């Protein structure tokens, strides 16, 4: 299994903003709005925003009604 595939199995892995937008199929503006309204949490390291893969998956599951 490649390193990239192992990261996708790890819920504690983090994605940067462009990857998080691709994962959720949303725009950067939508991601910013979701963070601002509390729908999604981000972690900031300096100027870099990071999004936990487990949080993104939970958001998708909740949107699909699986929770």
Protein backbone atom coordinates (compact mmCIF):
# COMPACT_ATOMS: atom_id res chain seq x y z
CA UNK A 1 0.00 0.00 0.00
CA UNK A 2 1.40 3.40 -0.93
CA UNK A 3 2.04 6.13 1.60
CA UNK A 4 -0.71 8.25 0.05
CA UNK A 5 -3.28 5.46 0.46
CA UNK A 6 -2.23 4.90 4.08
CA UNK A 7 -2.86 8.58 4.82
CA UNK A 8 -6.40 8.30 3.45
CA UNK A 9 -7.09 5.50 5.93
CA UNK A 10 -5.90 7.61 8.89
CA UNK A 11 -8.66 9.82 10.32
CA UNK A 12 -6.05 11.93 12.14
CA UNK A 13 -4.35 12.85 8.86
CA UNK A 14 -4.74 16.48 7.87
CA UNK A 15 -5.41 18.08 4.51
CA UNK A 16 -4.60 21.58 3.40
CA UNK A 17 -7.34 23.85 2.13
CA UNK A 18 -7.16 22.94 -1.60
CA UNK A 19 -7.22 19.20 -0.82
CA UNK A 20 -10.10 19.65 1.66
CA UNK A 21 -12.09 21.52 -1.00
CA UNK A 22 -11.47 18.73 -3.50
CA UNK A 23 -12.41 16.06 -0.95
CA UNK A 24 -15.71 17.82 -0.18
CA UNK A 25 -16.30 19.04 -3.77
CA UNK A 26 -16.84 22.61 -2.59
CA UNK A 27 -15.26 25.98 -3.27
CA UNK A 28 -12.75 27.74 -1.06
CA UNK A 29 -15.37 30.36 -0.18
CA UNK A 30 -17.80 27.67 0.98
CA UNK A 31 -15.10 26.06 3.13
CA UNK A 32 -14.32 29.44 4.70
CA UNK A 33 -18.02 30.02 5.41
CA UNK A 34 -18.39 26.58 7.02
CA UNK A 35 -15.41 27.31 9.28
CA UNK A 36 -16.75 30.77 10.16
CA UNK A 37 -20.22 29.41 11.05
CA UNK A 38 -18.83 26.47 13.05
CA UNK A 39 -19.86 23.67 10.70
CA UNK A 40 -16.24 22.59 10.35
CA UNK A 41 -13.16 23.09 12.50
CA UNK A 42 -9.72 23.95 11.21
CA UNK A 43 -6.29 24.02 12.73
CA UNK A 44 -3.96 26.84 11.81
CA UNK A 45 -0.20 26.61 11.81
CA UNK A 46 1.05 30.05 10.93
CA UNK A 47 -0.74 30.94 7.70
CA UNK A 48 -1.60 27.34 6.80
CA UNK A 49 -5.09 26.00 7.47
CA UNK A 50 -5.33 22.27 8.12
CA UNK A 51 -8.47 20.16 8.19
CA UNK A 52 -8.63 16.77 9.91
CA UNK A 53 -9.65 13.99 7.53
CA UNK A 54 -11.88 12.42 10.19
CA UNK A 55 -13.81 15.70 10.54
CA UNK A 56 -14.29 15.91 6.78
CA UNK A 57 -15.54 12.32 6.63
CA UNK A 58 -17.94 12.92 9.53
CA UNK A 59 -19.33 15.96 7.73
CA UNK A 60 -19.92 13.91 4.57
CA UNK A 61 -21.57 11.08 6.56
CA UNK A 62 -23.80 13.57 8.35
CA UNK A 63 -24.79 15.19 5.05
CA UNK A 64 -25.69 11.78 3.66
CA UNK A 65 -27.79 10.98 6.73
CA UNK A 66 -25.62 8.14 7.98
CA UNK A 67 -25.12 9.41 11.54
